[in-house]
Structures are given as C-alpha cells and as structure tokens.
Amino acid sequence: MAFAVNLQQLPAVDHIAELQLLDAQGQVTASIANQPGKAGSVRVYAALAAQYGCINVAAAQQGLQWFAEHTEAARAHPGSHPNIDRLFAIIANGQTLQVRLLPQPQSANGGSQAAST
C-alpha cells in the first residue's frame, strides 16, 4: 500500500508536539517535531511505539513497510529520509530505542478558540 493509505490506518497524533527517541541510557538520541513534513514520521513512530512498546528490530521492519514507497527512495538516496534511515540502522545493529511523547501545550482556556471573521 502507499504511504498515504497506510497513514490513514494509523492513530492520529494531533495531541503530540514532539516524539523523542531514547537510547539504553535514557539519553535523547533524536527527536521528531510534529510539524508539516515530519508529521507522517511522528504518526508512524508513535504507532510503532504503541504496538511494540519501543522501536526495536521488529518495529523497524514494520515501520519500513508502513513508509512504503518512501522506504525505497531512502534506500536509493541515503540521508534524504533520516527517519527511515534510522529504521535501517536499528535493523542493522539490533538497537532498541524507547519513545517519549511530548504533548501539545494546552491553551489557557482549556480549548482552542475559533478564528473570528
């Protein structure tokens, strides 16, 4: 399936501001901000963490399937998709990363305000 179709099957991440990846010592090794151009990666990594409890080899293999056509593009052009490159590295070295989800800040009134017209 195409990446866009796969994304539709994964839980929404609107409540997440940033996803952090932590090594075995609990140090942040990478972070992915939930912003345009990276929101799909946040969605994939968050779903992997929910399903596997961490990002390990099995999770990374699943992630590469979910990234679909972007996986082959990343393989052909290393460095062009760093969040996919990270999954290749996890598979290659057997690394496990823990995931920390940082929530979106709450507005002062407890909800979003509609734009006035």
PDB file of N, CA and C in Angstrom:
ATOM      1  N   MET A   1       0.828  -1.191   0.000  1.00  0.00           N
ATOM      2  CA  MET A   1       0.000   0.000   0.000  1.00  0.00           C
ATOM      3  C   MET A   1       0.869   1.250   0.000  1.00  0.00           C
ATOM      4  N   ALA A   2       0.310   2.320  -0.461  1.00  0.00           N
ATOM      5  CA  ALA A   2       1.015   3.599  -0.497  1.00  0.00           C
ATOM      6  C   ALA A   2       1.084   4.200   0.902  1.00  0.00           C
ATOM      7  N   PHE A   3       2.103   5.014   1.120  1.00  0.00           N
ATOM      8  CA  PHE A   3       2.315   5.654   2.420  1.00  0.00           C
ATOM      9  C   PHE A   3       1.069   6.409   2.879  1.00  0.00           C
ATOM     10  N   ALA A   4       0.460   7.192   2.002  1.00  0.00           N
ATOM     11  CA  ALA A   4      -0.717   7.984   2.382  1.00  0.00           C
ATOM     12  C   ALA A   4      -1.857   7.087   2.854  1.00  0.00           C
ATOM     13  N   VAL A   5      -2.032   5.952   2.212  1.00  0.00           N
ATOM     14  CA  VAL A   5      -3.075   4.999   2.617  1.00  0.00           C
ATOM     15  C   VAL A   5      -2.721   4.392   3.966  1.00  0.00           C
ATOM     16  N   ASN A   6      -1.459   4.014   4.144  1.00  0.00           N
ATOM     17  CA  ASN A   6      -1.016   3.447   5.421  1.00  0.00           C
ATOM     18  C   ASN A   6      -1.236   4.435   6.562  1.00  0.00           C
ATOM     19  N   LEU A   7      -0.917   5.706   6.331  1.00  0.00           N
ATOM     20  CA  LEU A   7      -1.084   6.725   7.378  1.00  0.00           C
ATOM     21  C   LEU A   7      -2.529   6.814   7.851  1.00  0.00           C
ATOM     22  N   GLN A   8      -3.458   6.679   6.936  1.00  0.00           N
ATOM     23  CA  GLN A   8      -4.875   6.776   7.295  1.00  0.00           C
ATOM     24  C   GLN A   8      -5.290   5.672   8.260  1.00  0.00           C
ATOM     25  N   GLN A   9      -4.547   4.563   8.268  1.00  0.00           N
ATOM     26  CA  GLN A   9      -4.865   3.433   9.141  1.00  0.00           C
ATOM     27  C   GLN A   9      -4.269   3.598  10.541  1.00  0.00           C
ATOM     28  N   LEU A  10      -3.378   4.565  10.722  1.00  0.00           N
ATOM     29  CA  LEU A  10      -2.682   4.752  11.999  1.00  0.00           C
ATOM     30  C   LEU A  10      -3.390   5.801  12.848  1.00  0.00           C
ATOM     31  N   PRO A  11      -3.258   5.693  14.177  1.00  0.00           N
ATOM     32  CA  PRO A  11      -3.905   6.671  15.063  1.00  0.00           C
ATOM     33  C   PRO A  11      -3.408   8.097  14.813  1.00  0.00           C
ATOM     34  N   ALA A  12      -4.298   9.043  15.012  1.00  0.00           N
ATOM     35  CA  ALA A  12      -3.960  10.462  14.876  1.00  0.00           C
ATOM     36  C   ALA A  12      -2.943  10.861  15.942  1.00  0.00           C
ATOM     37  N   VAL A  13      -2.154  11.881  15.638  1.00  0.00           N
ATOM     38  CA  VAL A  13      -1.123  12.359  16.576  1.00  0.00           C
ATOM     39  C   VAL A  13      -1.245  13.861  16.819  1.00  0.00           C
ATOM     40  N   ASP A  14      -2.425  14.404  16.644  1.00  0.00           N
ATOM     41  CA  ASP A  14      -2.630  15.840  16.835  1.00  0.00           C
ATOM     42  C   ASP A  14      -2.271  16.291  18.246  1.00  0.00           C
ATOM     43  N   HIS A  15      -2.380  15.394  19.205  1.00  0.00           N
ATOM     44  CA  HIS A  15      -2.103  15.708  20.610  1.00  0.00           C
ATOM     45  C   HIS A  15      -0.611  15.681  20.944  1.00  0.00           C
ATOM     46  N   ILE A  16       0.223  15.247  19.999  1.00  0.00           N
ATOM     47  CA  ILE A  16       1.667  15.115  20.222  1.00  0.00           C
ATOM     48  C   ILE A  16       2.392  16.312  19.616  1.00  0.00           C
ATOM     49  N   ALA A  17       3.232  16.972  20.415  1.00  0.00           N
ATOM     50  CA  ALA A  17       4.051  18.081  19.919  1.00  0.00           C
ATOM     51  C   ALA A  17       5.363  17.562  19.355  1.00  0.00           C
ATOM     52  N   GLU A  18       5.921  16.557  20.016  1.00  0.00           N
ATOM     53  CA  GLU A  18       7.242  16.042  19.643  1.00  0.00           C
ATOM     54  C   GLU A  18       7.365  14.606  20.119  1.00  0.00           C
ATOM     55  N   LEU A  19       8.092  13.817  19.364  1.00  0.00           N
ATOM     56  CA  LEU A  19       8.395  12.442  19.718  1.00  0.00           C
ATOM     57  C   LEU A  19       9.898  12.356  19.919  1.00  0.00           C
ATOM     58  N   GLN A  20      10.324  11.849  21.070  1.00  0.00           N
ATOM     59  CA  GLN A  20      11.751  11.709  21.362  1.00  0.00           C
ATOM     60  C   GLN A  20      12.125  10.233  21.390  1.00  0.00           C
ATOM     61  N   LEU A  21      13.314   9.931  20.893  1.00  0.00           N
ATOM     62  CA  LEU A  21      13.850   8.578  20.913  1.00  0.00           C
ATOM     63  C   LEU A  21      15.010   8.538  21.892  1.00  0.00           C
ATOM     64  N   LEU A  22      14.984   7.558  22.802  1.00  0.00           N
ATOM     65  CA  LEU A  22      15.972   7.464  23.867  1.00  0.00           C
ATOM     66  C   LEU A  22      16.759   6.167  23.752  1.00  0.00           C
ATOM     67  N   ASP A  23      18.072   6.254  24.019  1.00  0.00           N
ATOM     68  CA  ASP A  23      18.929   5.073  23.984  1.00  0.00           C
ATOM     69  C   ASP A  23      18.807   4.292  25.292  1.00  0.00           C
ATOM     70  N   ALA A  24      19.608   3.242  25.440  1.00  0.00           N
ATOM     71  CA  ALA A  24      19.552   2.375  26.622  1.00  0.00           C
ATOM     72  C   ALA A  24      19.883   3.121  27.910  1.00  0.00           C
ATOM     73  N   GLN A  25      20.613   4.224  27.822  1.00  0.00           N
ATOM     74  CA  GLN A  25      20.962   5.027  28.997  1.00  0.00           C
ATOM     75  C   GLN A  25      19.915   6.108  29.284  1.00  0.00           C
ATOM     76  N   GLY A  26      18.862   6.156  28.483  1.00  0.00           N
ATOM     77  CA  GLY A  26      17.813   7.149  28.678  1.00  0.00           C
ATOM     78  C   GLY A  26      18.125   8.510  28.095  1.00  0.00           C
ATOM     79  N   GLN A  27      19.167   8.582  27.281  1.00  0.00           N
ATOM     80  CA  GLN A  27      19.543   9.840  26.643  1.00  0.00           C
ATOM     81  C   GLN A  27      18.776  10.013  25.330  1.00  0.00           C
ATOM     82  N   VAL A  28      18.315  11.219  25.078  1.00  0.00           N
ATOM     83  CA  VAL A  28      17.612  11.507  23.826  1.00  0.00           C
ATOM     84  C   VAL A  28      18.625  11.457  22.685  1.00  0.00           C
ATOM     85  N   THR A  29      18.380  10.568  21.744  1.00  0.00           N
ATOM     86  CA  THR A  29      19.275  10.442  20.590  1.00  0.00           C
ATOM     87  C   THR A  29      18.712  11.135  19.354  1.00  0.00           C
ATOM     88  N   ALA A  30      17.397  11.345  19.359  1.00  0.00           N
ATOM     89  CA  ALA A  30      16.746  12.013  18.229  1.00  0.00           C
ATOM     90  C   ALA A  30      15.377  12.486  18.677  1.00  0.00           C
ATOM     91  N   SER A  31      14.884  13.493  17.989  1.00  0.00           N
ATOM     92  CA  SER A  31      13.515  13.947  18.231  1.00  0.00           C
ATOM     93  C   SER A  31      12.893  14.306  16.890  1.00  0.00           C
ATOM     94  N   ILE A  32      11.583  14.119  16.834  1.00  0.00           N
ATOM     95  CA  ILE A  32      10.840  14.430  15.618  1.00  0.00           C
ATOM     96  C   ILE A  32       9.693  15.349  16.024  1.00  0.00           C
ATOM     97  N   ALA A  33       9.742  16.580  15.565  1.00  0.00           N
ATOM     98  CA  ALA A  33       8.677  17.538  15.862  1.00  0.00           C
ATOM     99  C   ALA A  33       7.459  17.222  15.004  1.00  0.00           C
ATOM    100  N   ASN A  34       6.291  17.358  15.578  1.00  0.00           N
ATOM    101  CA  ASN A  34       5.049  17.130  14.843  1.00  0.00           C
ATOM    102  C   ASN A  34       4.709  18.407  14.076  1.00  0.00           C
ATOM    103  N   GLN A  35       5.294  18.509  12.897  1.00  0.00           N
ATOM    104  CA  GLN A  35       5.109  19.680  12.045  1.00  0.00           C
ATOM    105  C   GLN A  35       5.040  19.217  10.598  1.00  0.00           C
ATOM    106  N   PRO A  36       4.565  20.068   9.706  1.00  0.00           N
ATOM    107  CA  PRO A  36       4.481  19.669   8.300  1.00  0.00           C
ATOM    108  C   PRO A  36       5.822  19.129   7.795  1.00  0.00           C
ATOM    109  N   GLY A  37       5.749  18.034   7.067  1.00  0.00           N
ATOM    110  CA  GLY A  37       6.945  17.388   6.547  1.00  0.00           C
ATOM    111  C   GLY A  37       7.487  16.314   7.469  1.00  0.00           C
ATOM    112  N   LYS A  38       7.077  16.326   8.732  1.00  0.00           N
ATOM    113  CA  LYS A  38       7.532  15.329   9.695  1.00  0.00           C
ATOM    114  C   LYS A  38       6.375  14.634  10.406  1.00  0.00           C
ATOM    115  N   ALA A  39       5.165  15.154  10.238  1.00  0.00           N
ATOM    116  CA  ALA A  39       4.001  14.608  10.944  1.00  0.00           C
ATOM    117  C   ALA A  39       3.762  13.138  10.599  1.00  0.00           C
ATOM    118  N   GLY A  40       4.037  12.752   9.366  1.00  0.00           N
ATOM    119  CA  GLY A  40       3.878  11.348   8.979  1.00  0.00           C
ATOM    120  C   GLY A  40       4.837  10.455   9.739  1.00  0.00           C
ATOM    121  N   SER A  41       6.068  10.909   9.919  1.00  0.00           N
ATOM    122  CA  SER A  41       7.041  10.135  10.694  1.00  0.00           C
ATOM    123  C   SER A  41       6.620  10.030  12.150  1.00  0.00           C
ATOM    124  N   VAL A  42       6.101  11.125  12.707  1.00  0.00           N
ATOM    125  CA  VAL A  42       5.616  11.087  14.093  1.00  0.00           C
ATOM    126  C   VAL A  42       4.499  10.051  14.204  1.00  0.00           C
ATOM    127  N   ARG A  43       3.625  10.045  13.235  1.00  0.00           N
ATOM    128  CA  ARG A  43       2.495   9.105  13.259  1.00  0.00           C
ATOM    129  C   ARG A  43       2.979   7.658  13.175  1.00  0.00           C
ATOM    130  N   VAL A  44       3.937   7.383  12.301  1.00  0.00           N
ATOM    131  CA  VAL A  44       4.477   6.028  12.168  1.00  0.00           C
ATOM    132  C   VAL A  44       5.195   5.617  13.447  1.00  0.00           C
ATOM    133  N   TYR A  45       6.106   6.446  13.928  1.00  0.00           N
ATOM    134  CA  TYR A  45       6.878   6.097  15.126  1.00  0.00           C
ATOM    135  C   TYR A  45       5.971   5.940  16.348  1.00  0.00           C
ATOM    136  N   ALA A  46       4.968   6.802  16.502  1.00  0.00           N
ATOM    137  CA  ALA A  46       4.049   6.694  17.644  1.00  0.00           C
ATOM    138  C   ALA A  46       3.253   5.391  17.569  1.00  0.00           C
ATOM    139  N   ALA A  47       2.806   5.022  16.381  1.00  0.00           N
ATOM    140  CA  ALA A  47       2.064   3.770  16.215  1.00  0.00           C
ATOM    141  C   ALA A  47       2.964   2.568  16.489  1.00  0.00           C
ATOM    142  N   LEU A  48       4.218   2.642  16.054  1.00  0.00           N
ATOM    143  CA  LEU A  48       5.161   1.553  16.337  1.00  0.00           C
ATOM    144  C   LEU A  48       5.381   1.412  17.837  1.00  0.00           C
ATOM    145  N   ALA A  49       5.551   2.538  18.520  1.00  0.00           N
ATOM    146  CA  ALA A  49       5.756   2.504  19.972  1.00  0.00           C
ATOM    147  C   ALA A  49       4.534   1.927  20.674  1.00  0.00           C
ATOM    148  N   ALA A  50       3.349   2.280  20.217  1.00  0.00           N
ATOM    149  CA  ALA A  50       2.124   1.754  20.823  1.00  0.00           C
ATOM    150  C   ALA A  50       2.009   0.248  20.603  1.00  0.00           C
ATOM    151  N   GLN A  51       2.402  -0.213  19.430  1.00  0.00           N
ATOM    152  CA  GLN A  51       2.269  -1.634  19.096  1.00  0.00           C
ATOM    153  C   GLN A  51       3.375  -2.483  19.711  1.00  0.00           C
ATOM    154  N   TYR A  52       4.616  -1.982  19.723  1.00  0.00           N
ATOM    155  CA  TYR A  52       5.765  -2.782  20.158  1.00  0.00           C
ATOM    156  C   TYR A  52       6.316  -2.372  21.518  1.00  0.00           C
ATOM    157  N   GLY A  53       5.904  -1.227  22.034  1.00  0.00           N
ATOM    158  CA  GLY A  53       6.411  -0.751  23.320  1.00  0.00           C
ATOM    159  C   GLY A  53       7.752  -0.056  23.227  1.00  0.00           C
ATOM    160  N   CYS A  54       8.359  -0.060  22.056  1.00  0.00           N
ATOM    161  CA  CYS A  54       9.661   0.561  21.797  1.00  0.00           C
ATOM    162  C   CYS A  54       9.882   0.492  20.288  1.00  0.00           C
ATOM    163  N   ILE A  55      11.036   1.002  19.860  1.00  0.00           N
ATOM    164  CA  ILE A  55      11.415   0.834  18.456  1.00  0.00           C
ATOM    165  C   ILE A  55      12.573  -0.156  18.449  1.00  0.00           C
ATOM    166  N   ASN A  56      12.257  -1.408  18.147  1.00  0.00           N
ATOM    167  CA  ASN A  56      13.262  -2.465  18.070  1.00  0.00           C
ATOM    168  C   ASN A  56      13.298  -2.977  16.629  1.00  0.00           C
ATOM    169  N   VAL A  57      13.988  -4.081  16.405  1.00  0.00           N
ATOM    170  CA  VAL A  57      14.130  -4.590  15.041  1.00  0.00           C
ATOM    171  C   VAL A  57      12.766  -4.897  14.423  1.00  0.00           C
ATOM    172  N   ALA A  58      11.905  -5.575  15.161  1.00  0.00           N
ATOM    173  CA  ALA A  58      10.579  -5.919  14.622  1.00  0.00           C
ATOM    174  C   ALA A  58       9.776  -4.659  14.305  1.00  0.00           C
ATOM    175  N   ALA A  59       9.826  -3.680  15.195  1.00  0.00           N
ATOM    176  CA  ALA A  59       9.118  -2.419  14.961  1.00  0.00           C
ATOM    177  C   ALA A  59       9.689  -1.711  13.738  1.00  0.00           C
ATOM    178  N   ALA A  60      11.007  -1.693  13.619  1.00  0.00           N
ATOM    179  CA  ALA A  60      11.648  -1.030  12.478  1.00  0.00           C
ATOM    180  C   ALA A  60      11.238  -1.686  11.161  1.00  0.00           C
ATOM    181  N   GLN A  61      11.168  -3.016  11.157  1.00  0.00           N
ATOM    182  CA  GLN A  61      10.747  -3.714   9.942  1.00  0.00           C
ATOM    183  C   GLN A  61       9.317  -3.335   9.567  1.00  0.00           C
ATOM    184  N   GLN A  62       8.442  -3.263  10.571  1.00  0.00           N
ATOM    185  CA  GLN A  62       7.059  -2.843  10.312  1.00  0.00           C
ATOM    186  C   GLN A  62       7.027  -1.400   9.812  1.00  0.00           C
ATOM    187  N   GLY A  63       7.831  -0.548  10.428  1.00  0.00           N
ATOM    188  CA  GLY A  63       7.886   0.851  10.017  1.00  0.00           C
ATOM    189  C   GLY A  63       8.285   1.012   8.559  1.00  0.00           C
ATOM    190  N   LEU A  64       9.252   0.220   8.121  1.00  0.00           N
ATOM    191  CA  LEU A  64       9.669   0.294   6.716  1.00  0.00           C
ATOM    192  C   LEU A  64       8.525  -0.093   5.789  1.00  0.00           C
ATOM    193  N   GLN A  65       7.701  -1.046   6.215  1.00  0.00           N
ATOM    194  CA  GLN A  65       6.529  -1.407   5.401  1.00  0.00           C
ATOM    195  C   GLN A  65       5.541  -0.249   5.354  1.00  0.00           C
ATOM    196  N   TRP A  66       5.307   0.383   6.500  1.00  0.00           N
ATOM    197  CA  TRP A  66       4.356   1.494   6.532  1.00  0.00           C
ATOM    198  C   TRP A  66       4.840   2.693   5.732  1.00  0.00           C
ATOM    199  N   PHE A  67       6.162   2.930   5.701  1.00  0.00           N
ATOM    200  CA  PHE A  67       6.694   4.048   4.920  1.00  0.00           C
ATOM    201  C   PHE A  67       6.593   3.780   3.419  1.00  0.00           C
ATOM    202  N   ALA A  68       6.320   2.549   3.033  1.00  0.00           N
ATOM    203  CA  ALA A  68       6.016   2.149   1.661  1.00  0.00           C
ATOM    204  C   ALA A  68       7.022   2.690   0.642  1.00  0.00           C
ATOM    205  N   GLU A  69       6.547   3.467  -0.323  1.00  0.00           N
ATOM    206  CA  GLU A  69       7.413   3.937  -1.416  1.00  0.00           C
ATOM    207  C   GLU A  69       8.566   4.807  -0.921  1.00  0.00           C
ATOM    208  N   HIS A  70       8.415   5.429   0.235  1.00  0.00           N
ATOM    209  CA  HIS A  70       9.499   6.253   0.772  1.00  0.00           C
ATOM    210  C   HIS A  70      10.678   5.398   1.241  1.00  0.00           C
ATOM    211  N   THR A  71      10.410   4.135   1.578  1.00  0.00           N
ATOM    212  CA  THR A  71      11.484   3.237   2.007  1.00  0.00           C
ATOM    213  C   THR A  71      12.470   3.012   0.868  1.00  0.00           C
ATOM    214  N   GLU A  72      11.966   2.750  -0.315  1.00  0.00           N
ATOM    215  CA  GLU A  72      12.857   2.532  -1.468  1.00  0.00           C
ATOM    216  C   GLU A  72      13.591   3.813  -1.841  1.00  0.00           C
ATOM    217  N   ALA A  73      12.917   4.949  -1.736  1.00  0.00           N
ATOM    218  CA  ALA A  73      13.579   6.228  -2.014  1.00  0.00           C
ATOM    219  C   ALA A  73      14.707   6.463  -1.015  1.00  0.00           C
ATOM    220  N   ALA A  74      14.474   6.128   0.242  1.00  0.00           N
ATOM    221  CA  ALA A  74      15.509   6.302   1.270  1.00  0.00           C
ATOM    222  C   ALA A  74      16.678   5.357   1.027  1.00  0.00           C
ATOM    223  N   ARG A  75      16.375   4.137   0.605  1.00  0.00           N
ATOM    224  CA  ARG A  75      17.436   3.164   0.315  1.00  0.00           C
ATOM    225  C   ARG A  75      18.288   3.646  -0.864  1.00  0.00           C
ATOM    226  N   ALA A  76      17.647   4.219  -1.868  1.00  0.00           N
ATOM    227  CA  ALA A  76      18.359   4.691  -3.062  1.00  0.00           C
ATOM    228  C   ALA A  76      19.128   5.983  -2.809  1.00  0.00           C
ATOM    229  N   HIS A  77      18.661   6.789  -1.849  1.00  0.00           N
ATOM    230  CA  HIS A  77      19.272   8.098  -1.579  1.00  0.00           C
ATOM    231  C   HIS A  77      19.481   8.278  -0.077  1.00  0.00           C
ATOM    232  N   PRO A  78      20.486   7.591   0.492  1.00  0.00           N
ATOM    233  CA  PRO A  78      20.728   7.705   1.940  1.00  0.00           C
ATOM    234  C   PRO A  78      20.866   9.164   2.367  1.00  0.00           C
ATOM    235  N   GLY A  79      20.241   9.483   3.494  1.00  0.00           N
ATOM    236  CA  GLY A  79      20.279  10.844   4.009  1.00  0.00           C
ATOM    237  C   GLY A  79      19.077  11.677   3.617  1.00  0.00           C
ATOM    238  N   SER A  80      18.340  11.236   2.603  1.00  0.00           N
ATOM    239  CA  SER A  80      17.181  12.013   2.156  1.00  0.00           C
ATOM    240  C   SER A  80      15.965  11.822   3.066  1.00  0.00           C
ATOM    241  N   HIS A  81      15.932  10.735   3.799  1.00  0.00           N
ATOM    242  CA  HIS A  81      14.821  10.429   4.712  1.00  0.00           C
ATOM    243  C   HIS A  81      15.412   9.934   6.037  1.00  0.00           C
ATOM    244  N   PRO A  82      15.899  10.835   6.882  1.00  0.00           N
ATOM    245  CA  PRO A  82      16.610  10.415   8.098  1.00  0.00           C
ATOM    246  C   PRO A  82      15.787   9.551   9.049  1.00  0.00           C
ATOM    247  N   ASN A  83      14.481   9.738   9.094  1.00  0.00           N
ATOM    248  CA  ASN A  83      13.669   8.922   9.994  1.00  0.00           C
ATOM    249  C   ASN A  83      13.515   7.491   9.487  1.00  0.00           C
ATOM    250  N   ILE A  84      13.636   7.304   8.188  1.00  0.00           N
ATOM    251  CA  ILE A  84      13.660   5.958   7.609  1.00  0.00           C
ATOM    252  C   ILE A  84      15.068   5.384   7.737  1.00  0.00           C
ATOM    253  N   ASP A  85      16.089   6.200   7.499  1.00  0.00           N
ATOM    254  CA  ASP A  85      17.476   5.747   7.675  1.00  0.00           C
ATOM    255  C   ASP A  85      17.684   5.192   9.080  1.00  0.00           C
ATOM    256  N   ARG A  86      17.064   5.838  10.079  1.00  0.00           N
ATOM    257  CA  ARG A  86      17.186   5.381  11.465  1.00  0.00           C
ATOM    258  C   ARG A  86      16.640   3.959  11.606  1.00  0.00           C
ATOM    259  N   LEU A  87      15.537   3.656  10.921  1.00  0.00           N
ATOM    260  CA  LEU A  87      14.969   2.303  10.990  1.00  0.00           C
ATOM    261  C   LEU A  87      15.911   1.287  10.354  1.00  0.00           C
ATOM    262  N   PHE A  88      16.543   1.658   9.240  1.00  0.00           N
ATOM    263  CA  PHE A  88      17.551   0.776   8.635  1.00  0.00           C
ATOM    264  C   PHE A  88      18.672   0.495   9.634  1.00  0.00           C
ATOM    265  N   ALA A  89      19.125   1.524  10.337  1.00  0.00           N
ATOM    266  CA  ALA A  89      20.218   1.381  11.302  1.00  0.00           C
ATOM    267  C   ALA A  89      19.811   0.480  12.465  1.00  0.00           C
ATOM    268  N   ILE A  90      18.589   0.619  12.945  1.00  0.00           N
ATOM    269  CA  ILE A  90      18.108  -0.223  14.046  1.00  0.00           C
ATOM    270  C   ILE A  90      18.122  -1.687  13.626  1.00  0.00           C
ATOM    271  N   ILE A  91      17.692  -1.965  12.411  1.00  0.00           N
ATOM    272  CA  ILE A  91      17.706  -3.337  11.902  1.00  0.00           C
ATOM    273  C   ILE A  91      19.141  -3.833  11.766  1.00  0.00           C
ATOM    274  N   ALA A  92      20.024  -2.996  11.258  1.00  0.00           N
ATOM    275  CA  ALA A  92      21.414  -3.396  11.024  1.00  0.00           C
ATOM    276  C   ALA A  92      22.171  -3.679  12.316  1.00  0.00           C
ATOM    277  N   ASN A  93      21.912  -2.888  13.368  1.00  0.00           N
ATOM    278  CA  ASN A  93      22.713  -3.052  14.586  1.00  0.00           C
ATOM    279  C   ASN A  93      21.948  -3.636  15.766  1.00  0.00           C
ATOM    280  N   GLY A  94      20.678  -3.973  15.580  1.00  0.00           N
ATOM    281  CA  GLY A  94      19.901  -4.595  16.646  1.00  0.00           C
ATOM    282  C   GLY A  94      19.572  -3.673  17.802  1.00  0.00           C
ATOM    283  N   GLN A  95      19.670  -2.387  17.583  1.00  0.00           N
ATOM    284  CA  GLN A  95      19.431  -1.390  18.624  1.00  0.00           C
ATOM    285  C   GLN A  95      17.950  -1.340  19.003  1.00  0.00           C
ATOM    286  N   THR A  96      17.688  -0.950  20.239  1.00  0.00           N
ATOM    287  CA  THR A  96      16.327  -0.690  20.703  1.00  0.00           C
ATOM    288  C   THR A  96      16.278   0.723  21.254  1.00  0.00           C
ATOM    289  N   LEU A  97      15.289   1.480  20.831  1.00  0.00           N
ATOM    290  CA  LEU A  97      15.093   2.837  21.327  1.00  0.00           C
ATOM    291  C   LEU A  97      13.747   2.922  22.031  1.00  0.00           C
ATOM    292  N   GLN A  98      13.728   3.601  23.153  1.00  0.00           N
ATOM    293  CA  GLN A  98      12.480   3.889  23.847  1.00  0.00           C
ATOM    294  C   GLN A  98      11.897   5.166  23.241  1.00  0.00           C
ATOM    295  N   VAL A  99      10.613   5.357  23.421  1.00  0.00           N
ATOM    296  CA  VAL A  99       9.923   6.503  22.839  1.00  0.00           C
ATOM    297  C   VAL A  99       9.265   7.317  23.946  1.00  0.00           C
ATOM    298  N   ARG A 100       9.457   8.623  23.874  1.00  0.00           N
ATOM    299  CA  ARG A 100       8.789   9.560  24.782  1.00  0.00           C
ATOM    300  C   ARG A 100       7.961  10.504  23.920  1.00  0.00           C
ATOM    301  N   LEU A 101       6.680  10.610  24.252  1.00  0.00           N
ATOM    302  CA  LEU A 101       5.782  11.503  23.527  1.00  0.00           C
ATOM    303  C   LEU A 101       5.568  12.761  24.350  1.00  0.00           C
ATOM    304  N   LEU A 102       5.855  13.904  23.773  1.00  0.00           N
ATOM    305  CA  LEU A 102       5.634  15.182  24.447  1.00  0.00           C
ATOM    306  C   LEU A 102       4.323  15.765  23.931  1.00  0.00           C
ATOM    307  N   PRO A 103       3.384  16.041  24.835  1.00  0.00           N
ATOM    308  CA  PRO A 103       2.069  16.518  24.399  1.00  0.00           C
ATOM    309  C   PRO A 103       2.094  17.959  23.916  1.00  0.00           C
ATOM    310  N   GLN A 104       1.095  18.286  23.112  1.00  0.00           N
ATOM    311  CA  GLN A 104       0.894  19.672  22.692  1.00  0.00           C
ATOM    312  C   GLN A 104       0.554  20.487  23.932  1.00  0.00           C
ATOM    313  N   PRO A 105       1.028  21.724  24.033  1.00  0.00           N
ATOM    314  CA  PRO A 105       0.649  22.561  25.181  1.00  0.00           C
ATOM    315  C   PRO A 105      -0.842  22.864  25.144  1.00  0.00           C
ATOM    316  N   GLN A 106      -1.430  22.949  26.317  1.00  0.00           N
ATOM    317  CA  GLN A 106      -2.856  23.287  26.424  1.00  0.00           C
ATOM    318  C   GLN A 106      -3.006  24.799  26.343  1.00  0.00           C
ATOM    319  N   SER A 107      -4.075  25.240  25.731  1.00  0.00           N
ATOM    320  CA  SER A 107      -4.320  26.686  25.689  1.00  0.00           C
ATOM    321  C   SER A 107      -4.811  27.144  27.058  1.00  0.00           C
ATOM    322  N   ALA A 108      -4.740  28.429  27.318  1.00  0.00           N
ATOM    323  CA  ALA A 108      -5.092  28.993  28.624  1.00  0.00           C
ATOM    324  C   ALA A 108      -6.542  28.733  28.998  1.00  0.00           C
ATOM    325  N   ASN A 109      -7.437  28.668  28.006  1.00  0.00           N
ATOM    326  CA  ASN A 109      -8.851  28.462  28.326  1.00  0.00           C
ATOM    327  C   ASN A 109      -9.260  26.998  28.248  1.00  0.00           C
ATOM    328  N   GLY A 110      -8.282  26.105  28.067  1.00  0.00           N
ATOM    329  CA  GLY A 110      -8.574  24.683  28.047  1.00  0.00           C
ATOM    330  C   GLY A 110      -9.036  24.150  26.703  1.00  0.00           C
ATOM    331  N   GLY A 111      -9.093  24.975  25.705  1.00  0.00           N
ATOM    332  CA  GLY A 111      -9.515  24.530  24.384  1.00  0.00           C
ATOM    333  C   GLY A 111      -9.050  25.504  23.334  1.00  0.00           C
ATOM    334  N   SER A 112      -9.280  25.162  22.104  1.00  0.00           N
ATOM    335  CA  SER A 112      -8.858  26.069  21.042  1.00  0.00           C
ATOM    336  C   SER A 112      -9.959  27.091  20.790  1.00  0.00           C
ATOM    337  N   GLN A 113      -9.550  28.235  20.355  1.00  0.00           N
ATOM    338  CA  GLN A 113     -10.504  29.289  20.046  1.00  0.00           C
ATOM    339  C   GLN A 113     -10.732  29.323  18.551  1.00  0.00           C
ATOM    340  N   ALA A 114     -11.968  29.523  18.175  1.00  0.00           N
ATOM    341  CA  ALA A 114     -12.289  29.639  16.756  1.00  0.00           C
ATOM    342  C   ALA A 114     -11.829  31.000  16.260  1.00  0.00           C
ATOM    343  N   ALA A 115     -11.365  31.027  15.053  1.00  0.00           N
ATOM    344  CA  ALA A 115     -10.948  32.302  14.460  1.00  0.00           C
ATOM    345  C   ALA A 115     -12.179  33.154  14.200  1.00  0.00           C
ATOM    346  N   SER A 116     -12.058  34.422  14.509  1.00  0.00           N
ATOM    347  CA  SER A 116     -13.193  35.317  14.255  1.00  0.00           C
ATOM    348  C   SER A 116     -13.146  35.788  12.810  1.00  0.00           C
ATOM    349  N   THR A 117     -14.319  36.066  12.288  1.00  0.00           N
ATOM    350  CA  THR A 117     -14.394  36.519  10.893  1.00  0.00           C
ATOM    351  C   THR A 117     -14.832  37.945  10.804  1.00  0.00           C
TER     352      THR A 117
END
